[in-house]
Amino acid sequence: MKASIYLVLATLFWSGNLAVGQAAVNTLTPLELTFWRWALAALPLVALAHFVERPDWRAVLGRWRVLLLLSVLGMACYTLLLYTALQHTSALNASLITAANPALIVVMAIFILGEKPGISGWLGIVLGLAGVLLVLTRGELHRVFSITFNVGELLMLGAIAVWGFYTIISRRLGLPAIASTAVQVVMATVLLAPAAIAAGVQFPATAAEGWSIAYIAAFPSLGAYLCWNLALKTTPPATAGNFLNLIVVFTAAITVMMGIPVTLPQAIGGLLVIAGVLLAGRPSRSPEFRPA
């Protein structure tokens, strides 16, 4: 139950990242957003890990190679791809492509980890994707076949592939979740610093830019990555990936808060997504995902 709450919170925070990020890239570059996102989150995460988990830092740093790989994948590459994509496509299209991530993670888990989803897992993914399509097409499913991909959509495809590998590797990490995330964030900050200096990255000059960076550092960075890694301690990658469908529902909710009314297809689609997430995450007597 705790893992499901963590996954819901992570997707909620990432939904806000899409909306805030799309607005922020109008005045800030993807490198600026990515660098400040991790630079501001690094020290709070290290402190949180130290006082909450009290990890054996020597043992954590002993896995520096895999942590460096995860930092490059999940912190640097994924985030740069995401913000660059938002320069060319809408948050709604980005969330549509993110909805393909659960199926991608299932395939990766099968080929890389040898896991096999059970019937309820597959049914949950199908329901979730069906709900996503209803939400995004407003009930006009034929629009799916007329969607064309631009540079932004292609970059998002690359981003979800990177995130799939991040999820698969994180599942087998076996380190304290907060400490692991903290080390990855510190590594990303150090790795991105030379590029940031060379590009002349400066602290946000306006209040709007400052609030955007503050939100991105606090919630999509600290909150979401922490919740995601905590959930992966007990949740198979494919099951966790199915929760990413909630990003579309939360994105739709944000548009409602902005004054855009919700339609019946969107409401039904949202219920299907939630049902799919609950079904995929439902515990069973036999393992939902078992080694081949």
C-alpha atoms as a PDB file:
ATOM      1  CA  MET A   1       0.000   0.000   0.000  1.00  0.00           C
ATOM      2  CA  LYS A   2       2.833   2.398   0.858  1.00  0.00           C
ATOM      3  CA  ALA A   3       4.493   1.675  -2.492  1.00  0.00           C
ATOM      4  CA  SER A   4       1.283   2.624  -4.327  1.00  0.00           C
ATOM      5  CA  ILE A   5       1.089   5.922  -2.416  1.00  0.00           C
ATOM      6  CA  TYR A   6       4.717   6.667  -3.268  1.00  0.00           C
ATOM      7  CA  LEU A   7       4.085   5.973  -6.955  1.00  0.00           C
ATOM      8  CA  VAL A   8       0.958   8.154  -7.034  1.00  0.00           C
ATOM      9  CA  LEU A   9       2.839  11.045  -5.413  1.00  0.00           C
ATOM     10  CA  ALA A  10       5.752  10.641  -7.832  1.00  0.00           C
ATOM     11  CA  THR A  11       3.468  10.839 -10.860  1.00  0.00           C
ATOM     12  CA  LEU A  12       1.621  13.829  -9.379  1.00  0.00           C
ATOM     13  CA  PHE A  13       4.878  15.723  -8.929  1.00  0.00           C
ATOM     14  CA  TRP A  14       6.046  14.812 -12.444  1.00  0.00           C
ATOM     15  CA  SER A  15       2.747  16.003 -13.891  1.00  0.00           C
ATOM     16  CA  GLY A  16       3.417  19.413 -12.393  1.00  0.00           C
ATOM     17  CA  ASN A  17       6.907  19.254 -13.869  1.00  0.00           C
ATOM     18  CA  LEU A  18       5.448  18.975 -17.371  1.00  0.00           C
ATOM     19  CA  ALA A  19       3.244  22.027 -16.916  1.00  0.00           C
ATOM     20  CA  VAL A  20       5.839  24.148 -15.116  1.00  0.00           C
ATOM     21  CA  GLY A  21       8.629  22.961 -17.394  1.00  0.00           C
ATOM     22  CA  GLN A  22       6.743  23.902 -20.545  1.00  0.00           C
ATOM     23  CA  ALA A  23       6.273  27.416 -19.232  1.00  0.00           C
ATOM     24  CA  ALA A  24       9.861  27.670 -17.971  1.00  0.00           C
ATOM     25  CA  VAL A  25      11.535  26.685 -21.269  1.00  0.00           C
ATOM     26  CA  ASN A  26      10.206  29.912 -22.782  1.00  0.00           C
ATOM     27  CA  THR A  27      12.867  31.848 -20.855  1.00  0.00           C
ATOM     28  CA  LEU A  28      15.257  29.206 -19.498  1.00  0.00           C
ATOM     29  CA  THR A  29      17.318  26.697 -21.480  1.00  0.00           C
ATOM     30  CA  PRO A  30      17.027  22.937 -20.828  1.00  0.00           C
ATOM     31  CA  LEU A  31      20.569  22.970 -19.436  1.00  0.00           C
ATOM     32  CA  GLU A  32      19.713  25.791 -17.006  1.00  0.00           C
ATOM     33  CA  LEU A  33      16.614  23.983 -15.795  1.00  0.00           C
ATOM     34  CA  THR A  34      18.425  20.666 -15.439  1.00  0.00           C
ATOM     35  CA  PHE A  35      21.475  22.085 -13.680  1.00  0.00           C
ATOM     36  CA  TRP A  36      19.589  24.205 -11.125  1.00  0.00           C
ATOM     37  CA  ARG A  37      17.094  21.410 -10.574  1.00  0.00           C
ATOM     38  CA  TRP A  38      19.800  19.074  -9.269  1.00  0.00           C
ATOM     39  CA  ALA A  39      22.142  21.690  -7.780  1.00  0.00           C
ATOM     40  CA  LEU A  40      19.386  22.938  -5.450  1.00  0.00           C
ATOM     41  CA  ALA A  41      18.180  19.441  -4.579  1.00  0.00           C
ATOM     42  CA  ALA A  42      21.609  17.901  -3.850  1.00  0.00           C
ATOM     43  CA  LEU A  43      22.383  19.105  -0.316  1.00  0.00           C
ATOM     44  CA  PRO A  44      18.823  18.692   1.068  1.00  0.00           C
ATOM     45  CA  LEU A  45      18.780  15.103  -0.206  1.00  0.00           C
ATOM     46  CA  VAL A  46      22.157  14.295   1.324  1.00  0.00           C
ATOM     47  CA  ALA A  47      21.032  15.732   4.680  1.00  0.00           C
ATOM     48  CA  LEU A  48      17.723  13.862   4.520  1.00  0.00           C
ATOM     49  CA  ALA A  49      19.481  10.584   3.775  1.00  0.00           C
ATOM     50  CA  HIS A  50      22.011  11.079   6.553  1.00  0.00           C
ATOM     51  CA  PHE A  51      19.527  11.863   9.312  1.00  0.00           C
ATOM     52  CA  VAL A  52      16.659   9.580   8.224  1.00  0.00           C
ATOM     53  CA  GLU A  53      18.375   6.476   6.856  1.00  0.00           C
ATOM     54  CA  ARG A  54      21.772   6.850   8.539  1.00  0.00           C
ATOM     55  CA  PRO A  55      23.341   4.799   5.742  1.00  0.00           C
ATOM     56  CA  ASP A  56      26.808   3.331   5.568  1.00  0.00           C
ATOM     57  CA  TRP A  57      28.116   5.954   3.149  1.00  0.00           C
ATOM     58  CA  ARG A  58      31.239   3.918   2.426  1.00  0.00           C
ATOM     59  CA  ALA A  59      29.084   0.995   1.270  1.00  0.00           C
ATOM     60  CA  VAL A  60      26.880   3.318  -0.785  1.00  0.00           C
ATOM     61  CA  LEU A  61      29.839   4.990  -2.473  1.00  0.00           C
ATOM     62  CA  GLY A  62      31.333   1.558  -3.069  1.00  0.00           C
ATOM     63  CA  ARG A  63      28.638   1.175  -5.743  1.00  0.00           C
ATOM     64  CA  TRP A  64      29.721   4.394  -7.442  1.00  0.00           C
ATOM     65  CA  ARG A  65      29.904   2.851 -10.887  1.00  0.00           C
ATOM     66  CA  VAL A  66      26.239   1.832 -11.042  1.00  0.00           C
ATOM     67  CA  LEU A  67      25.204   5.038  -9.275  1.00  0.00           C
ATOM     68  CA  LEU A  68      27.106   7.044 -11.869  1.00  0.00           C
ATOM     69  CA  LEU A  69      25.319   5.152 -14.635  1.00  0.00           C
ATOM     70  CA  LEU A  70      21.942   5.841 -12.996  1.00  0.00           C
ATOM     71  CA  SER A  71      22.849   9.505 -12.565  1.00  0.00           C
ATOM     72  CA  VAL A  72      23.738   9.859 -16.230  1.00  0.00           C
ATOM     73  CA  LEU A  73      20.550   8.075 -17.302  1.00  0.00           C
ATOM     74  CA  GLY A  74      17.872   9.304 -14.900  1.00  0.00           C
ATOM     75  CA  MET A  75      19.173  12.673 -13.778  1.00  0.00           C
ATOM     76  CA  ALA A  76      21.139  14.088 -16.704  1.00  0.00           C
ATOM     77  CA  CYS A  77      20.006  12.477 -19.973  1.00  0.00           C
ATOM     78  CA  TYR A  78      16.316  11.987 -19.175  1.00  0.00           C
ATOM     79  CA  THR A  79      15.882  15.496 -17.788  1.00  0.00           C
ATOM     80  CA  LEU A  80      17.724  17.200 -20.650  1.00  0.00           C
ATOM     81  CA  LEU A  81      15.702  15.226 -23.188  1.00  0.00           C
ATOM     82  CA  LEU A  82      12.442  16.096 -21.409  1.00  0.00           C
ATOM     83  CA  TYR A  83      13.017  19.851 -21.222  1.00  0.00           C
ATOM     84  CA  THR A  84      14.356  19.974 -24.777  1.00  0.00           C
ATOM     85  CA  ALA A  85      11.258  18.105 -25.952  1.00  0.00           C
ATOM     86  CA  LEU A  86       9.010  20.643 -24.197  1.00  0.00           C
ATOM     87  CA  GLN A  87      10.553  23.339 -26.403  1.00  0.00           C
ATOM     88  CA  HIS A  88       9.002  21.621 -29.411  1.00  0.00           C
ATOM     89  CA  THR A  89       5.853  19.890 -28.158  1.00  0.00           C
ATOM     90  CA  SER A  90       3.092  20.405 -25.618  1.00  0.00           C
ATOM     91  CA  ALA A  91       2.917  18.947 -22.135  1.00  0.00           C
ATOM     92  CA  LEU A  92      -0.134  17.003 -23.310  1.00  0.00           C
ATOM     93  CA  ASN A  93       1.781  15.303 -26.133  1.00  0.00           C
ATOM     94  CA  ALA A  94       4.655  14.631 -23.749  1.00  0.00           C
ATOM     95  CA  SER A  95       2.279  12.928 -21.334  1.00  0.00           C
ATOM     96  CA  LEU A  96       0.837  10.841 -24.193  1.00  0.00           C
ATOM     97  CA  ILE A  97       4.276   9.494 -25.044  1.00  0.00           C
ATOM     98  CA  THR A  98       5.034   8.923 -21.358  1.00  0.00           C
ATOM     99  CA  ALA A  99       1.964   6.688 -21.294  1.00  0.00           C
ATOM    100  CA  ALA A 100       3.841   4.259 -23.544  1.00  0.00           C
ATOM    101  CA  ASN A 101       6.461   3.788 -20.829  1.00  0.00           C
ATOM    102  CA  PRO A 102       4.681   0.992 -18.919  1.00  0.00           C
ATOM    103  CA  ALA A 103       4.553  -1.244 -21.990  1.00  0.00           C
ATOM    104  CA  LEU A 104       8.182  -0.421 -22.749  1.00  0.00           C
ATOM    105  CA  ILE A 105       9.246  -1.294 -19.194  1.00  0.00           C
ATOM    106  CA  VAL A 106       7.326  -4.586 -19.395  1.00  0.00           C
ATOM    107  CA  VAL A 107       9.272  -5.532 -22.524  1.00  0.00           C
ATOM    108  CA  MET A 108      12.562  -4.471 -20.926  1.00  0.00           C
ATOM    109  CA  ALA A 109      11.777  -6.442 -17.759  1.00  0.00           C
ATOM    110  CA  ILE A 110      11.047  -9.543 -19.821  1.00  0.00           C
ATOM    111  CA  PHE A 111      14.253  -9.405 -21.855  1.00  0.00           C
ATOM    112  CA  ILE A 112      16.619  -7.977 -19.216  1.00  0.00           C
ATOM    113  CA  LEU A 113      15.313  -9.363 -15.910  1.00  0.00           C
ATOM    114  CA  GLY A 114      13.448 -12.419 -17.165  1.00  0.00           C
ATOM    115  CA  GLU A 115      10.212 -11.301 -15.512  1.00  0.00           C
ATOM    116  CA  LYS A 116       6.810 -12.378 -16.804  1.00  0.00           C
ATOM    117  CA  PRO A 117       3.685 -10.313 -16.022  1.00  0.00           C
ATOM    118  CA  GLY A 118       0.569 -12.156 -14.947  1.00  0.00           C
ATOM    119  CA  ILE A 119      -2.879 -11.734 -16.444  1.00  0.00           C
ATOM    120  CA  SER A 120      -3.914  -8.934 -14.087  1.00  0.00           C
ATOM    121  CA  GLY A 121      -0.710  -7.072 -14.877  1.00  0.00           C
ATOM    122  CA  TRP A 122      -1.354  -7.142 -18.621  1.00  0.00           C
ATOM    123  CA  LEU A 123      -5.034  -6.283 -18.124  1.00  0.00           C
ATOM    124  CA  GLY A 124      -4.093  -3.333 -15.934  1.00  0.00           C
ATOM    125  CA  ILE A 125      -1.751  -1.998 -18.606  1.00  0.00           C
ATOM    126  CA  VAL A 126      -4.398  -2.379 -21.319  1.00  0.00           C
ATOM    127  CA  LEU A 127      -7.011  -0.571 -19.204  1.00  0.00           C
ATOM    128  CA  GLY A 128      -4.538   2.161 -18.373  1.00  0.00           C
ATOM    129  CA  LEU A 129      -3.577   2.758 -21.989  1.00  0.00           C
ATOM    130  CA  ALA A 130      -7.235   2.721 -23.033  1.00  0.00           C
ATOM    131  CA  GLY A 131      -7.988   5.365 -20.432  1.00  0.00           C
ATOM    132  CA  VAL A 132      -5.035   7.458 -21.572  1.00  0.00           C
ATOM    133  CA  LEU A 133      -6.279   7.376 -25.158  1.00  0.00           C
ATOM    134  CA  LEU A 134      -9.781   8.448 -24.094  1.00  0.00           C
ATOM    135  CA  VAL A 135      -8.387  11.330 -22.047  1.00  0.00           C
ATOM    136  CA  LEU A 136      -6.127  12.628 -24.793  1.00  0.00           C
ATOM    137  CA  THR A 137      -8.447  12.108 -27.762  1.00  0.00           C
ATOM    138  CA  ARG A 138     -11.579  13.262 -25.918  1.00  0.00           C
ATOM    139  CA  GLY A 139     -13.332  10.054 -26.962  1.00  0.00           C
ATOM    140  CA  GLU A 140     -12.334  10.323 -30.624  1.00  0.00           C
ATOM    141  CA  LEU A 141     -10.058   7.291 -30.742  1.00  0.00           C
ATOM    142  CA  HIS A 142      -9.565   7.563 -34.504  1.00  0.00           C
ATOM    143  CA  ARG A 143      -7.394  10.617 -33.835  1.00  0.00           C
ATOM    144  CA  VAL A 144      -4.675   8.290 -32.555  1.00  0.00           C
ATOM    145  CA  PHE A 145      -3.915   7.180 -36.115  1.00  0.00           C
ATOM    146  CA  SER A 146      -3.589  10.753 -37.354  1.00  0.00           C
ATOM    147  CA  ILE A 147      -1.001  11.869 -34.800  1.00  0.00           C
ATOM    148  CA  THR A 148       2.266  13.002 -36.379  1.00  0.00           C
ATOM    149  CA  PHE A 149       5.511  13.166 -34.475  1.00  0.00           C
ATOM    150  CA  ASN A 150       7.810  16.180 -34.561  1.00  0.00           C
ATOM    151  CA  VAL A 151      11.230  16.662 -33.004  1.00  0.00           C
ATOM    152  CA  GLY A 152       9.679  17.062 -29.560  1.00  0.00           C
ATOM    153  CA  GLU A 153       7.841  13.737 -29.741  1.00  0.00           C
ATOM    154  CA  LEU A 154      10.976  11.964 -30.988  1.00  0.00           C
ATOM    155  CA  LEU A 155      12.971  13.410 -28.082  1.00  0.00           C
ATOM    156  CA  MET A 156      10.288  12.189 -25.673  1.00  0.00           C
ATOM    157  CA  LEU A 157      10.556   8.697 -27.165  1.00  0.00           C
ATOM    158  CA  GLY A 158      14.258   8.811 -26.381  1.00  0.00           C
ATOM    159  CA  ALA A 159      13.481  10.080 -22.885  1.00  0.00           C
ATOM    160  CA  ILE A 160      11.133   7.211 -22.000  1.00  0.00           C
ATOM    161  CA  ALA A 161      13.642   4.671 -23.326  1.00  0.00           C
ATOM    162  CA  VAL A 162      16.269   6.159 -21.019  1.00  0.00           C
ATOM    163  CA  TRP A 163      13.811   6.103 -18.108  1.00  0.00           C
ATOM    164  CA  GLY A 164      13.026   2.457 -18.790  1.00  0.00           C
ATOM    165  CA  PHE A 165      16.681   1.514 -18.361  1.00  0.00           C
ATOM    166  CA  TYR A 166      16.867   3.674 -15.218  1.00  0.00           C
ATOM    167  CA  THR A 167      13.907   1.829 -13.705  1.00  0.00           C
ATOM    168  CA  ILE A 168      15.244  -1.626 -14.561  1.00  0.00           C
ATOM    169  CA  ILE A 169      18.683  -0.918 -13.074  1.00  0.00           C
ATOM    170  CA  SER A 170      17.270   0.796  -9.975  1.00  0.00           C
ATOM    171  CA  ARG A 171      15.145  -2.250  -9.156  1.00  0.00           C
ATOM    172  CA  ARG A 172      18.230  -4.382  -8.507  1.00  0.00           C
ATOM    173  CA  LEU A 173      20.344  -1.716  -6.814  1.00  0.00           C
ATOM    174  CA  GLY A 174      19.888  -2.883  -3.222  1.00  0.00           C
ATOM    175  CA  LEU A 175      20.898   0.409  -1.567  1.00  0.00           C
ATOM    176  CA  PRO A 176      19.013   2.769   0.789  1.00  0.00           C
ATOM    177  CA  ALA A 177      16.610   4.680  -1.456  1.00  0.00           C
ATOM    178  CA  ILE A 178      17.236   8.207  -0.186  1.00  0.00           C
ATOM    179  CA  ALA A 179      21.021   7.820  -0.019  1.00  0.00           C
ATOM    180  CA  SER A 180      21.088   6.318  -3.499  1.00  0.00           C
ATOM    181  CA  THR A 181      19.036   9.174  -4.929  1.00  0.00           C
ATOM    182  CA  ALA A 182      21.159  11.758  -3.113  1.00  0.00           C
ATOM    183  CA  VAL A 183      24.417  10.399  -4.516  1.00  0.00           C
ATOM    184  CA  GLN A 184      22.952  10.312  -8.025  1.00  0.00           C
ATOM    185  CA  VAL A 185      21.851  13.942  -7.722  1.00  0.00           C
ATOM    186  CA  VAL A 186      25.266  15.066  -6.462  1.00  0.00           C
ATOM    187  CA  MET A 187      26.935  13.213  -9.332  1.00  0.00           C
ATOM    188  CA  ALA A 188      24.593  14.825 -11.851  1.00  0.00           C
ATOM    189  CA  THR A 189      25.349  18.285 -10.458  1.00  0.00           C
ATOM    190  CA  VAL A 190      29.104  17.688 -10.745  1.00  0.00           C
ATOM    191  CA  LEU A 191      28.779  16.225 -14.239  1.00  0.00           C
ATOM    192  CA  LEU A 192      26.649  19.118 -15.494  1.00  0.00           C
ATOM    193  CA  ALA A 193      28.682  21.883 -13.823  1.00  0.00           C
ATOM    194  CA  PRO A 194      31.375  22.209 -16.557  1.00  0.00           C
ATOM    195  CA  ALA A 195      28.723  22.470 -19.279  1.00  0.00           C
ATOM    196  CA  ALA A 196      26.758  24.968 -17.183  1.00  0.00           C
ATOM    197  CA  ILE A 197      29.849  27.132 -16.634  1.00  0.00           C
ATOM    198  CA  ALA A 198      30.787  26.981 -20.310  1.00  0.00           C
ATOM    199  CA  ALA A 199      27.249  27.974 -21.303  1.00  0.00           C
ATOM    200  CA  GLY A 200      27.217  30.885 -18.854  1.00  0.00           C
ATOM    201  CA  VAL A 201      24.339  29.536 -16.787  1.00  0.00           C
ATOM    202  CA  GLN A 202      23.219  32.096 -14.196  1.00  0.00           C
ATOM    203  CA  PHE A 203      20.700  32.032 -11.369  1.00  0.00           C
ATOM    204  CA  PRO A 204      17.130  32.885 -12.497  1.00  0.00           C
ATOM    205  CA  ALA A 205      16.722  36.627 -12.927  1.00  0.00           C
ATOM    206  CA  THR A 206      12.940  36.968 -12.531  1.00  0.00           C
ATOM    207  CA  ALA A 207      10.489  35.902  -9.839  1.00  0.00           C
ATOM    208  CA  ALA A 208       8.637  33.646 -12.285  1.00  0.00           C
ATOM    209  CA  GLU A 209      11.834  31.833 -13.198  1.00  0.00           C
ATOM    210  CA  GLY A 210      12.770  31.548  -9.534  1.00  0.00           C
ATOM    211  CA  TRP A 211       9.439  30.002  -8.562  1.00  0.00           C
ATOM    212  CA  SER A 212       9.645  27.587 -11.497  1.00  0.00           C
ATOM    213  CA  ILE A 213      13.087  26.411 -10.409  1.00  0.00           C
ATOM    214  CA  ALA A 214      11.952  26.186  -6.771  1.00  0.00           C
ATOM    215  CA  TYR A 215       8.987  23.972  -7.666  1.00  0.00           C
ATOM    216  CA  ILE A 216      11.061  21.755  -9.959  1.00  0.00           C
ATOM    217  CA  ALA A 217      13.798  21.339  -7.342  1.00  0.00           C
ATOM    218  CA  ALA A 218      11.391  20.580  -4.473  1.00  0.00           C
ATOM    219  CA  PHE A 219       8.755  18.338  -6.015  1.00  0.00           C
ATOM    220  CA  PRO A 220       9.739  16.661  -9.313  1.00  0.00           C
ATOM    221  CA  SER A 221      13.340  16.393  -8.047  1.00  0.00           C
ATOM    222  CA  LEU A 222      13.330  15.781  -4.293  1.00  0.00           C
ATOM    223  CA  GLY A 223       9.825  14.409  -3.893  1.00  0.00           C
ATOM    224  CA  ALA A 224       9.271  12.392  -7.063  1.00  0.00           C
ATOM    225  CA  TYR A 225      12.666  10.702  -7.316  1.00  0.00           C
ATOM    226  CA  LEU A 226      12.581   9.864  -3.616  1.00  0.00           C
ATOM    227  CA  CYS A 227       9.084   8.364  -3.851  1.00  0.00           C
ATOM    228  CA  TRP A 228       9.964   6.462  -7.030  1.00  0.00           C
ATOM    229  CA  ASN A 229      13.077   4.887  -5.526  1.00  0.00           C
ATOM    230  CA  LEU A 230      11.278   4.025  -2.282  1.00  0.00           C
ATOM    231  CA  ALA A 231       8.546   2.272  -4.279  1.00  0.00           C
ATOM    232  CA  LEU A 232      11.037   0.304  -6.368  1.00  0.00           C
ATOM    233  CA  LYS A 233      12.338  -1.345  -3.204  1.00  0.00           C
ATOM    234  CA  THR A 234       9.216  -3.544  -3.151  1.00  0.00           C
ATOM    235  CA  THR A 235       7.599  -3.048  -6.565  1.00  0.00           C
ATOM    236  CA  PRO A 236       8.563  -4.727  -9.874  1.00  0.00           C
ATOM    237  CA  PRO A 237       9.574  -2.254 -12.621  1.00  0.00           C
ATOM    238  CA  ALA A 238       6.649  -3.115 -14.904  1.00  0.00           C
ATOM    239  CA  THR A 239       4.103  -2.572 -12.119  1.00  0.00           C
ATOM    240  CA  ALA A 240       5.709   0.722 -11.155  1.00  0.00           C
ATOM    241  CA  GLY A 241       5.777   1.779 -14.795  1.00  0.00           C
ATOM    242  CA  ASN A 242       2.028   1.350 -15.100  1.00  0.00           C
ATOM    243  CA  PHE A 243       1.537   4.143 -12.556  1.00  0.00           C
ATOM    244  CA  LEU A 244       3.074   6.560 -15.078  1.00  0.00           C
ATOM    245  CA  ASN A 245      -0.322   6.528 -16.804  1.00  0.00           C
ATOM    246  CA  LEU A 246      -1.540   8.713 -13.939  1.00  0.00           C
ATOM    247  CA  ILE A 247       0.586  11.535 -15.315  1.00  0.00           C
ATOM    248  CA  VAL A 248      -2.018  12.008 -18.042  1.00  0.00           C
ATOM    249  CA  VAL A 249      -4.861  12.109 -15.515  1.00  0.00           C
ATOM    250  CA  PHE A 250      -3.067  14.591 -13.299  1.00  0.00           C
ATOM    251  CA  THR A 251      -2.154  16.694 -16.333  1.00  0.00           C
ATOM    252  CA  ALA A 252      -5.855  16.801 -17.237  1.00  0.00           C
ATOM    253  CA  ALA A 253      -6.674  17.811 -13.649  1.00  0.00           C
ATOM    254  CA  ILE A 254      -4.201  20.682 -13.860  1.00  0.00           C
ATOM    255  CA  THR A 255      -5.941  21.949 -16.986  1.00  0.00           C
ATOM    256  CA  VAL A 256      -9.251  21.863 -15.077  1.00  0.00           C
ATOM    257  CA  MET A 257      -7.692  23.976 -12.341  1.00  0.00           C
ATOM    258  CA  MET A 258      -6.732  26.414 -15.080  1.00  0.00           C
ATOM    259  CA  GLY A 259     -10.407  26.788 -15.977  1.00  0.00           C
ATOM    260  CA  ILE A 260     -10.745  24.223 -18.772  1.00  0.00           C
ATOM    261  CA  PRO A 261     -13.807  21.996 -18.162  1.00  0.00           C
ATOM    262  CA  VAL A 262     -13.453  18.203 -18.096  1.00  0.00           C
ATOM    263  CA  THR A 263     -15.445  16.164 -20.631  1.00  0.00           C
ATOM    264  CA  LEU A 264     -17.212  12.835 -20.160  1.00  0.00           C
ATOM    265  CA  PRO A 265     -14.582  10.898 -22.178  1.00  0.00           C
ATOM    266  CA  GLN A 266     -11.866  12.457 -20.035  1.00  0.00           C
ATOM    267  CA  ALA A 267     -13.676  11.462 -16.838  1.00  0.00           C
ATOM    268  CA  ILE A 268     -14.217   7.884 -18.060  1.00  0.00           C
ATOM    269  CA  GLY A 269     -10.635   7.713 -19.275  1.00  0.00           C
ATOM    270  CA  GLY A 270      -9.349   8.875 -15.916  1.00  0.00           C
ATOM    271  CA  LEU A 271     -11.349   6.166 -14.141  1.00  0.00           C
ATOM    272  CA  LEU A 272      -9.955   3.529 -16.519  1.00  0.00           C
ATOM    273  CA  VAL A 273      -6.410   4.674 -15.820  1.00  0.00           C
ATOM    274  CA  ILE A 274      -6.941   4.537 -12.063  1.00  0.00           C
ATOM    275  CA  ALA A 275      -8.569   1.087 -12.377  1.00  0.00           C
ATOM    276  CA  GLY A 276      -5.657  -0.124 -14.457  1.00  0.00           C
ATOM    277  CA  VAL A 277      -3.128   1.136 -11.936  1.00  0.00           C
ATOM    278  CA  LEU A 278      -4.959  -0.506  -9.027  1.00  0.00           C
ATOM    279  CA  LEU A 279      -5.320  -3.774 -10.935  1.00  0.00           C
ATOM    280  CA  ALA A 280      -1.677  -3.920 -11.961  1.00  0.00           C
ATOM    281  CA  GLY A 281      -0.572  -3.158  -8.415  1.00  0.00           C
ATOM    282  CA  ARG A 282      -2.979  -5.624  -6.756  1.00  0.00           C
ATOM    283  CA  PRO A 283      -1.182  -8.263  -4.683  1.00  0.00           C
ATOM    284  CA  SER A 284      -1.966 -11.873  -5.491  1.00  0.00           C
ATOM    285  CA  ARG A 285      -1.214 -15.281  -3.982  1.00  0.00           C
ATOM    286  CA  SER A 286       1.162 -16.081  -6.817  1.00  0.00           C
ATOM    287  CA  PRO A 287       3.882 -13.622  -7.791  1.00  0.00           C
ATOM    288  CA  GLU A 288       2.635 -11.072 -10.282  1.00  0.00           C
ATOM    289  CA  PHE A 289       6.071 -10.992 -11.864  1.00  0.00           C
ATOM    290  CA  ARG A 290       8.223 -14.084 -11.588  1.00  0.00           C
ATOM    291  CA  PRO A 291      11.593 -15.121 -13.035  1.00  0.00           C
ATOM    292  CA  ALA A 292      11.389 -17.091 -16.277  1.00  0.00           C
END
